């Protein structure tokens, strides 16, 4: 048993280190921005950049980079965003403290006429606040990190993006105004609402959070009751930063569980779905699951073993309801480590040692594979040619939360995460213990 545990830990550390290598290689030396995926000419993603900021402290503690290198990269990002142009023009970096989903790697200006993204801005700001909580000594560089992170968080005008229903809009475009979509129904927006509530300068009202939770769907799948959302990543990304174990809002109090238990059930349901395999895809099973928003082999329609099947490219796949074309994402399984290690660890062993689709790639697990779709890999069929920062960041961070809880501890020591949770009505365990705020250096505005 001890040898098995040692082997599992070695596997996890190897997976973590290879995933982190993406952020070392796919970032711009001046802006610090991180490429969305490792394709030639591809722009940066602000979500991937936020994940990188949270990964740098982990990398320092695990000996994957020096503290000086982490400070340098962190300051590059914070200085860039603080000095970048804000305004309603279509060719800037952001507006009213929020940022465009995709940015040019070198100039940091808007790419692809994309939207000003609320949730991706939240991931970026969460990474900044994590860095501020970690770099806590009295040196000039550490003080600057804390000062800039606070100023950038204070600049976000959250109420501007609250719609008539009280929920937060997905975003805004200079050409057409607010997007016609709201963060409604349970999903990765849990972190977004917590940060919007915790703002020391422009908080949204608690009623906005209540408006959001009123749109939840509670479902029974197989023999498990849970707060439903199909793509697995939606049950993970907010948990990268916040330890929801033992704390509950009003909705979860009525259900008698917490959001961490909910994510455990979502993981178990995904495994059960893969075992059941109602559509008969190749390669599904107890150790082969993980259906989420991901790259795919399509778009195409093919007849395979007498069955006409339609395949998709990048889509929001989900289970047990939602789009399923046979595409699995190993990274999403790793990101469930903290919820259900008893089913995740055997699956990691299967992906690494049986299918051997980790060590042969530059940054470890690629975005996804589809064993039903004809491809070059004997067992896995089609394998995505790409790595995405949004996939690899949760591998680094959720592995660390599983091993040490480090990222969670950093945000527990950040008053704005704590304030946001309390304003959302969360109570229980560590939240009631009274946490110390990170040191702040005043407001630049």
Protein backbone atom coordinates (compact mmCIF):
# COMPACT_ATOMS: atom_id res chain seq x y z
CA UNK A 1 0.00 0.00 0.00
CA UNK A 2 2.86 2.39 0.84
CA UNK A 3 4.57 1.65 -2.48
CA UNK A 4 1.32 2.25 -4.36
CA UNK A 5 0.85 5.57 -2.58
CA UNK A 6 4.40 6.60 -3.43
CA UNK A 7 3.87 5.70 -7.09
CA UNK A 8 0.59 7.64 -7.22
CA UNK A 9 2.25 10.71 -5.71
CA UNK A 10 5.14 10.47 -8.17
CA UNK A 11 2.65 10.28 -11.03
CA UNK A 12 0.82 13.34 -9.73
CA UNK A 13 3.99 15.39 -9.34
CA UNK A 14 5.11 14.40 -12.85
CA UNK A 15 1.73 15.37 -14.31
CA UNK A 16 1.82 18.66 -12.40
CA UNK A 17 5.32 19.54 -13.57
CA UNK A 18 4.62 18.80 -17.23
CA UNK A 19 1.41 20.83 -17.13
CA UNK A 20 3.21 23.77 -15.52
CA UNK A 21 5.81 23.76 -18.31
CA UNK A 22 3.09 25.19 -20.57
CA UNK A 23 3.06 28.43 -18.60
CA UNK A 24 6.84 28.70 -18.74
CA UNK A 25 6.96 28.27 -22.51
CA UNK A 26 3.70 29.79 -23.76
CA UNK A 27 3.88 33.22 -22.14
CA UNK A 28 5.11 36.51 -23.58
CA UNK A 29 8.34 37.80 -21.98
CA UNK A 30 7.17 41.42 -21.81
CA UNK A 31 3.41 41.37 -21.24
CA UNK A 32 3.39 38.10 -19.29
CA UNK A 33 0.24 37.08 -21.17
CA UNK A 34 -0.31 33.34 -21.65
CA UNK A 35 -1.33 31.83 -24.97
CA UNK A 36 -4.79 30.27 -25.05
CA UNK A 37 -3.49 27.19 -26.86
CA UNK A 38 -0.12 26.26 -28.31
CA UNK A 39 -1.04 26.93 -31.94
CA UNK A 40 1.07 29.25 -34.11
CA UNK A 41 -0.13 32.84 -33.95
CA UNK A 42 -2.79 32.08 -31.37
CA UNK A 43 -3.72 34.93 -28.97
CA UNK A 44 -3.53 35.04 -25.21
CA UNK A 45 -6.38 34.06 -22.93
CA UNK A 46 -7.00 36.15 -19.83
CA UNK A 47 -8.29 33.02 -18.05
CA UNK A 48 -5.07 31.14 -18.82
CA UNK A 49 -3.11 34.16 -17.61
CA UNK A 50 -5.02 34.18 -14.32
CA UNK A 51 -4.35 30.48 -13.88
CA UNK A 52 -0.65 31.08 -14.53
CA UNK A 53 -0.54 33.71 -11.77
CA UNK A 54 -2.00 31.17 -9.34
CA UNK A 55 0.40 28.47 -10.58
CA UNK A 56 3.60 30.47 -10.01
CA UNK A 57 3.46 30.19 -6.19
CA UNK A 58 2.87 26.45 -6.49
CA UNK A 59 5.85 26.19 -8.85
CA UNK A 60 8.07 28.02 -6.36
CA UNK A 61 7.07 25.69 -3.52
CA UNK A 62 7.56 22.60 -5.71
CA UNK A 63 10.95 23.74 -7.02
CA UNK A 64 9.77 24.19 -10.61
CA UNK A 65 10.93 27.82 -10.73
CA UNK A 66 12.76 30.28 -8.51
CA UNK A 67 10.98 32.83 -6.38
CA UNK A 68 12.73 35.63 -8.27
CA UNK A 69 11.49 34.28 -11.61
CA UNK A 70 7.94 34.01 -10.24
CA UNK A 71 8.04 37.60 -8.99
CA UNK A 72 9.33 38.81 -12.34
CA UNK A 73 6.58 37.05 -14.29
CA UNK A 74 3.89 38.15 -11.87
CA UNK A 75 4.95 41.78 -11.99
CA UNK A 76 5.06 41.69 -15.80
CA UNK A 77 1.39 40.69 -15.88
CA UNK A 78 0.22 43.12 -13.20
CA UNK A 79 2.12 46.07 -14.65
CA UNK A 80 0.82 45.29 -18.11
CA UNK A 81 -2.83 45.23 -17.04
CA UNK A 82 -2.48 48.31 -14.84
CA UNK A 83 -0.92 50.33 -17.67
CA UNK A 84 -3.00 48.88 -20.52
CA UNK A 85 -5.59 51.09 -22.15
CA UNK A 86 -9.14 50.97 -20.84
CA UNK A 87 -12.10 52.48 -22.64
CA UNK A 88 -15.08 51.94 -24.96
CA UNK A 89 -12.91 51.82 -28.10
CA UNK A 90 -12.85 48.48 -29.96
CA UNK A 91 -9.06 48.06 -30.03
CA UNK A 92 -8.03 48.32 -26.37
CA UNK A 93 -7.38 45.80 -23.59
CA UNK A 94 -10.43 46.33 -21.42
CA UNK A 95 -13.17 48.59 -20.17
CA UNK A 96 -14.37 49.52 -16.67
CA UNK A 97 -11.93 47.13 -15.03
CA UNK A 98 -12.82 44.09 -17.15
CA UNK A 99 -10.85 42.59 -20.02
CA UNK A 100 -11.40 41.03 -23.40
CA UNK A 101 -11.45 37.26 -23.49
CA UNK A 102 -8.58 37.03 -26.00
CA UNK A 103 -5.70 39.49 -26.33
CA UNK A 104 -2.81 39.88 -28.74
CA UNK A 105 0.20 38.28 -27.07
CA UNK A 106 2.59 41.17 -27.72
CA UNK A 107 0.40 44.28 -27.68
CA UNK A 108 -2.32 43.08 -25.30
CA UNK A 109 -5.06 44.60 -27.44
CA UNK A 110 -8.35 42.87 -28.19
CA UNK A 111 -8.20 39.89 -30.56
CA UNK A 112 -10.86 38.50 -32.91
CA UNK A 113 -13.49 41.12 -31.99
CA UNK A 114 -14.15 39.01 -28.90
CA UNK A 115 -16.29 39.97 -25.92
CA UNK A 116 -15.35 41.71 -22.73
CA UNK A 117 -15.72 38.59 -20.58
CA UNK A 118 -16.99 38.69 -17.02
CA UNK A 119 -16.11 35.13 -16.02
CA UNK A 120 -12.69 35.16 -17.67
CA UNK A 121 -11.96 38.48 -15.99
CA UNK A 122 -12.88 36.79 -12.70
CA UNK A 123 -10.34 34.02 -13.32
CA UNK A 124 -7.72 36.66 -14.10
CA UNK A 125 -8.46 38.66 -10.96
CA UNK A 126 -8.54 35.51 -8.84
CA UNK A 127 -5.03 34.71 -10.04
CA UNK A 128 -3.88 38.22 -9.18
CA UNK A 129 -5.30 38.00 -5.67
CA UNK A 130 -3.71 34.58 -5.16
CA UNK A 131 -0.33 36.01 -6.10
CA UNK A 132 -0.89 38.93 -3.72
CA UNK A 133 -1.63 36.52 -0.88
CA UNK A 134 1.55 34.52 -1.56
CA UNK A 135 4.09 37.30 -2.09
CA UNK A 136 3.68 38.68 1.39
CA UNK A 137 7.05 39.98 2.62
CA UNK A 138 8.10 43.61 2.95
CA UNK A 139 10.33 43.79 -0.13
CA UNK A 140 9.58 46.43 -2.76
CA UNK A 141 8.58 43.84 -5.38
CA UNK A 142 6.20 42.03 -3.06
CA UNK A 143 4.61 45.30 -1.97
CA UNK A 144 4.13 46.27 -5.61
CA UNK A 145 2.45 42.93 -6.37
CA UNK A 146 0.00 43.44 -3.53
CA UNK A 147 -0.62 47.08 -4.42
CA UNK A 148 -1.29 46.39 -8.10
CA UNK A 149 -3.47 43.34 -7.44
CA UNK A 150 -5.67 45.34 -5.08
CA UNK A 151 -5.89 48.30 -7.45
CA UNK A 152 -6.86 46.09 -10.39
CA UNK A 153 -9.51 44.32 -8.32
CA UNK A 154 -10.88 47.66 -7.10
CA UNK A 155 -11.14 48.92 -10.68
CA UNK A 156 -13.70 46.30 -11.76
CA UNK A 157 -17.15 47.91 -11.92
CA UNK A 158 -19.25 44.84 -11.17
CA UNK A 159 -22.69 46.53 -10.89
CA UNK A 160 -22.29 47.81 -14.47
CA UNK A 161 -22.71 44.21 -15.68
CA UNK A 162 -25.74 43.30 -13.56
CA UNK A 163 -28.88 43.00 -15.68
CA UNK A 164 -32.52 43.65 -14.96
CA UNK A 165 -32.97 40.14 -13.55
CA UNK A 166 -30.25 40.81 -10.97
CA UNK A 167 -27.87 38.25 -12.48
CA UNK A 168 -24.52 39.11 -14.07
CA UNK A 169 -24.23 39.39 -17.82
CA UNK A 170 -21.76 37.27 -19.78
CA UNK A 171 -20.09 40.35 -21.21
CA UNK A 172 -20.09 43.36 -23.48
CA UNK A 173 -18.90 44.37 -26.95
CA UNK A 174 -18.12 47.91 -28.09
CA UNK A 175 -19.94 47.34 -31.39
CA UNK A 176 -23.23 46.04 -29.94
CA UNK A 177 -23.29 46.62 -26.18
CA UNK A 178 -24.20 44.02 -23.57
CA UNK A 179 -24.40 40.38 -24.59
CA UNK A 180 -27.87 38.86 -24.39
CA UNK A 181 -26.78 36.10 -22.03
CA UNK A 182 -26.68 36.03 -18.25
CA UNK A 183 -24.92 33.81 -15.74
CA UNK A 184 -27.98 31.78 -14.80
CA UNK A 185 -28.12 28.11 -13.82
CA UNK A 186 -25.31 26.51 -11.86
CA UNK A 187 -21.93 26.65 -13.58
CA UNK A 188 -18.37 28.00 -13.23
CA UNK A 189 -19.77 31.44 -12.31
CA UNK A 190 -19.71 30.62 -8.59
CA UNK A 191 -16.25 32.25 -8.38
CA UNK A 192 -17.49 35.22 -10.42
CA UNK A 193 -20.30 35.95 -7.97
CA UNK A 194 -18.03 35.57 -4.94
CA UNK A 195 -15.51 38.09 -6.31
CA UNK A 196 -18.28 40.47 -7.40
CA UNK A 197 -19.78 40.35 -3.91
CA UNK A 198 -16.41 40.74 -2.19
CA UNK A 199 -15.34 43.86 -4.07
CA UNK A 200 -14.18 46.61 -1.65
CA UNK A 201 -15.12 49.31 -4.17
CA UNK A 202 -17.95 48.18 -6.48
CA UNK A 203 -19.76 45.17 -4.95
CA UNK A 204 -22.96 43.76 -6.34
CA UNK A 205 -25.90 43.37 -3.92
CA UNK A 206 -26.52 40.07 -2.17
CA UNK A 207 -29.82 39.93 -4.06
CA UNK A 208 -27.84 39.26 -7.25
CA UNK A 209 -26.46 36.06 -5.77
CA UNK A 210 -29.93 35.03 -4.68
CA UNK A 211 -31.20 35.75 -8.19
CA UNK A 212 -28.52 33.43 -9.54
CA UNK A 213 -29.20 30.54 -7.16
CA UNK A 214 -32.93 30.82 -7.92
CA UNK A 215 -32.12 29.55 -11.44
CA UNK A 216 -30.43 26.34 -10.23
CA UNK A 217 -31.58 22.89 -11.40
CA UNK A 218 -31.54 20.10 -8.81
CA UNK A 219 -31.64 16.72 -10.52
CA UNK A 220 -31.46 13.03 -9.75
CA UNK A 221 -29.08 11.11 -11.99
CA UNK A 222 -28.66 7.40 -11.49
CA UNK A 223 -29.14 7.20 -7.71
CA UNK A 224 -27.54 10.55 -6.84
CA UNK A 225 -29.18 13.92 -6.23
CA UNK A 226 -27.10 16.94 -7.18
CA UNK A 227 -27.01 20.48 -8.51
CA UNK A 228 -26.85 19.86 -12.21
CA UNK A 229 -24.52 21.15 -14.87
CA UNK A 230 -23.33 18.87 -17.67
CA UNK A 231 -19.71 19.81 -18.50
CA UNK A 232 -17.37 18.54 -15.80
CA UNK A 233 -15.22 21.69 -15.71
CA UNK A 234 -18.14 23.73 -14.38
CA UNK A 235 -17.93 21.69 -11.17
CA UNK A 236 -14.19 22.37 -10.83
CA UNK A 237 -12.97 25.83 -11.83
CA UNK A 238 -14.37 27.79 -8.88
CA UNK A 239 -12.97 25.10 -6.58
CA UNK A 240 -9.47 25.74 -7.90
CA UNK A 241 -9.47 28.85 -5.70
CA UNK A 242 -12.07 28.24 -3.00
CA UNK A 243 -12.31 25.36 -0.54
CA UNK A 244 -16.05 24.77 -0.36
CA UNK A 245 -15.74 21.80 1.99
CA UNK A 246 -17.83 22.32 5.09
CA UNK A 247 -19.33 25.68 4.12
CA UNK A 248 -22.83 26.22 2.76
CA UNK A 249 -24.96 28.97 1.31
CA UNK A 250 -28.73 29.02 1.80
CA UNK A 251 -29.37 26.76 -1.18
CA UNK A 252 -26.94 24.07 -0.06
CA UNK A 253 -28.22 24.26 3.51
CA UNK A 254 -31.64 23.21 2.21
CA UNK A 255 -30.06 20.27 0.35
CA UNK A 256 -27.86 19.14 3.22
CA UNK A 257 -24.57 19.07 1.29
CA UNK A 258 -21.86 21.54 0.23
CA UNK A 259 -20.54 22.46 -3.22
CA UNK A 260 -17.54 20.14 -2.81
CA UNK A 261 -19.82 17.18 -2.19
CA UNK A 262 -21.86 18.30 -5.18
CA UNK A 263 -18.74 18.18 -7.35
CA UNK A 264 -17.94 14.72 -5.99
CA UNK A 265 -21.38 13.55 -7.05
CA UNK A 266 -20.94 15.14 -10.48
CA UNK A 267 -17.68 13.20 -10.87
CA UNK A 268 -19.29 9.93 -9.77
CA UNK A 269 -22.17 10.49 -12.19
CA UNK A 270 -19.73 11.07 -15.03
CA UNK A 271 -18.02 7.78 -14.22
CA UNK A 272 -21.37 5.98 -13.99
CA UNK A 273 -22.36 7.42 -17.36
CA UNK A 274 -19.10 6.19 -18.92
CA UNK A 275 -19.69 2.70 -17.49
CA UNK A 276 -23.25 2.73 -18.78
CA UNK A 277 -22.05 4.17 -22.13
CA UNK A 278 -25.56 4.55 -23.59
CA UNK A 279 -24.32 5.63 -27.03
CA UNK A 280 -21.83 2.80 -27.33
CA UNK A 281 -18.60 4.72 -27.81
CA UNK A 282 -15.27 2.96 -27.86
CA UNK A 283 -13.00 3.26 -24.82
CA UNK A 284 -15.52 4.38 -22.18
CA UNK A 285 -15.47 2.67 -18.79
CA UNK A 286 -14.86 2.93 -15.05
CA UNK A 287 -11.35 4.27 -15.65
CA UNK A 288 -12.11 6.22 -18.83
CA UNK A 289 -14.43 9.18 -18.33
CA UNK A 290 -14.26 12.99 -18.30
CA UNK A 291 -16.77 14.70 -20.58
CA UNK A 292 -16.45 18.47 -20.62
CA UNK A 293 -16.03 21.54 -22.82
CA UNK A 294 -13.19 20.46 -25.07
CA UNK A 295 -11.57 20.22 -28.45
CA UNK A 296 -12.95 17.49 -30.72
CA UNK A 297 -12.28 15.66 -33.99
CA UNK A 298 -15.09 17.26 -36.01
CA UNK A 299 -17.02 18.76 -37.48
CA UNK A 300 -17.75 15.66 -39.53
CA UNK A 301 -20.22 12.82 -39.97
CA UNK A 302 -18.94 9.28 -40.41
CA UNK A 303 -20.32 5.77 -40.58
CA UNK A 304 -18.39 3.68 -38.06
CA UNK A 305 -19.18 -0.01 -37.50
CA UNK A 306 -22.49 0.52 -39.29
CA UNK A 307 -23.55 3.50 -37.16
CA UNK A 308 -23.71 7.05 -38.52
CA UNK A 309 -22.06 9.29 -35.98
CA UNK A 310 -21.66 13.04 -35.88
CA UNK A 311 -18.50 14.51 -34.40
CA UNK A 312 -17.87 18.08 -33.28
CA UNK A 313 -14.89 20.38 -32.83
CA UNK A 314 -14.67 22.62 -29.74
CA UNK A 315 -17.99 22.25 -27.89
CA UNK A 316 -19.41 22.26 -24.39
CA UNK A 317 -19.78 18.51 -24.03
CA UNK A 318 -21.50 17.19 -20.92
CA UNK A 319 -22.97 14.15 -19.20
CA UNK A 320 -25.31 12.54 -18.41
CA UNK A 321 -27.29 15.06 -20.46
CA UNK A 322 -25.83 17.19 -23.19
CA UNK A 323 -23.50 16.67 -26.12
CA UNK A 324 -21.54 13.41 -26.17
CA UNK A 325 -19.66 12.39 -29.32
CA UNK A 326 -17.17 10.02 -27.71
CA UNK A 327 -14.63 12.68 -26.75
CA UNK A 328 -12.93 12.39 -23.34
CA UNK A 329 -10.66 14.87 -21.56
CA UNK A 330 -8.16 13.35 -19.10
CA UNK A 331 -7.30 16.78 -17.65
CA UNK A 332 -10.88 17.12 -16.41
CA UNK A 333 -10.52 13.84 -14.52
CA UNK A 334 -7.34 15.09 -12.81
CA UNK A 335 -9.18 18.27 -11.80
CA UNK A 336 -11.61 16.15 -9.76
CA UNK A 337 -8.81 14.85 -7.51
CA UNK A 338 -9.94 16.73 -4.43
CA UNK A 339 -13.52 15.50 -4.76
CA UNK A 340 -13.21 11.82 -5.61
CA UNK A 341 -9.63 10.51 -5.44
CA UNK A 342 -10.88 6.94 -5.16
CA UNK A 343 -12.06 7.02 -8.79
CA UNK A 344 -9.66 9.66 -10.14
CA UNK A 345 -6.38 7.95 -9.20
CA UNK A 346 -7.19 4.68 -11.04
CA UNK A 347 -8.25 6.72 -14.06
CA UNK A 348 -5.00 8.69 -14.03
CA UNK A 349 -3.10 5.39 -13.93
CA UNK A 350 -5.16 4.18 -16.90
CA UNK A 351 -4.49 7.30 -18.96
CA UNK A 352 -0.80 7.47 -18.06
CA UNK A 353 0.28 3.84 -17.98
CA UNK A 354 -2.30 1.82 -19.95
CA UNK A 355 -3.16 4.23 -22.76
CA UNK A 356 0.21 6.02 -22.48
CA UNK A 357 -1.13 9.39 -23.64
CA UNK A 358 0.67 11.58 -21.12
CA UNK A 359 4.45 11.24 -21.18
CA UNK A 360 4.72 11.34 -24.97
CA UNK A 361 3.44 14.92 -25.22
CA UNK A 362 5.27 18.14 -24.43
CA UNK A 363 2.93 19.35 -21.70
CA UNK A 364 1.42 16.02 -20.73
CA UNK A 365 -2.27 15.48 -21.42
CA UNK A 366 -3.54 17.11 -24.57
CA UNK A 367 -7.00 18.62 -24.58
CA UNK A 368 -8.92 15.45 -25.44
CA UNK A 369 -9.09 12.22 -27.39
CA UNK A 370 -11.79 10.21 -29.16
CA UNK A 371 -11.23 6.45 -29.43
CA UNK A 372 -14.26 6.01 -31.70
CA UNK A 373 -13.00 8.46 -34.30
CA UNK A 374 -10.33 6.95 -36.59
CA UNK A 375 -6.90 8.29 -35.75
CA UNK A 376 -3.24 7.47 -35.51
CA UNK A 377 -3.29 6.10 -31.94
CA UNK A 378 -4.10 2.38 -31.75
CA UNK A 379 -6.10 2.62 -28.54
CA UNK A 380 -7.20 6.26 -28.44
CA UNK A 381 -8.00 6.98 -32.09
CA UNK A 382 -8.01 10.73 -32.56
CA UNK A 383 -5.96 12.82 -30.10
CA UNK A 384 -6.20 16.61 -30.08
CA UNK A 385 -3.05 18.25 -31.46
CA UNK A 386 -3.33 21.05 -28.92
CA UNK A 387 -2.72 21.91 -25.31
CA UNK A 388 -4.86 24.66 -23.71
CA UNK A 389 -3.83 26.81 -20.76
CA UNK A 390 -7.39 26.57 -19.42
CA UNK A 391 -6.97 22.79 -19.17
CA UNK A 392 -3.45 22.64 -17.76
CA UNK A 393 -3.89 25.26 -15.02
CA UNK A 394 -6.48 23.17 -13.12
CA UNK A 395 -4.15 20.17 -13.32
CA UNK A 396 -1.40 22.12 -11.52
CA UNK A 397 -3.68 23.75 -8.98
CA UNK A 398 -6.10 20.95 -8.14
CA UNK A 399 -3.21 18.51 -7.82
CA UNK A 400 -1.66 20.91 -5.31
CA UNK A 401 -4.92 21.33 -3.43
CA UNK A 402 -5.13 17.53 -3.23
CA UNK A 403 -1.56 17.20 -1.99
CA UNK A 404 -1.24 20.21 0.31
CA UNK A 405 -4.27 22.54 0.10
CA UNK A 406 -1.89 25.40 -0.67
CA UNK A 407 -4.04 27.44 -3.07
CA UNK A 408 -7.05 27.14 -0.81
CA UNK A 409 -5.04 28.35 2.15
CA UNK A 410 -3.88 31.42 0.22
CA UNK A 411 -7.42 32.47 -0.61
CA UNK A 412 -8.62 31.75 2.92
CA UNK A 413 -6.12 34.43 3.95
CA UNK A 414 -7.52 36.93 1.42
CA UNK A 415 -10.25 39.09 2.94
CA UNK A 416 -12.04 39.67 -0.38
CA UNK A 417 -12.67 36.00 -1.02
CA UNK A 418 -13.88 35.66 2.57
CA UNK A 419 -16.05 38.78 2.34
CA UNK A 420 -17.61 37.57 -0.91
CA UNK A 421 -18.48 34.21 0.57
CA UNK A 422 -20.01 35.77 3.66
CA UNK A 423 -22.05 38.26 1.62
CA UNK A 424 -23.34 35.32 -0.42
CA UNK A 425 -24.55 33.82 2.86
CA UNK A 426 -21.95 31.08 3.29
CA UNK A 427 -21.47 29.77 6.82
CA UNK A 428 -19.62 26.94 8.54
CA UNK A 429 -16.27 25.42 9.46
CA UNK A 430 -13.24 27.40 8.27
CA UNK A 431 -15.29 30.44 7.21
CA UNK A 432 -16.36 31.03 10.76
CA UNK A 433 -12.84 30.80 12.16
CA UNK A 434 -11.88 34.39 11.39
CA UNK A 435 -9.23 34.76 8.73
CA UNK A 436 -6.48 37.35 8.42
CA UNK A 437 -6.53 39.68 5.43
CA UNK A 438 -3.58 39.92 3.09
CA UNK A 439 -1.43 42.97 3.62
CA UNK A 440 -2.41 45.82 1.34
CA UNK A 441 -0.38 48.80 0.26
CA UNK A 442 -3.10 51.33 -0.52
CA UNK A 443 -5.03 52.16 -3.65
CA UNK A 444 -3.36 53.40 -6.83
CA UNK A 445 -6.53 55.07 -8.02
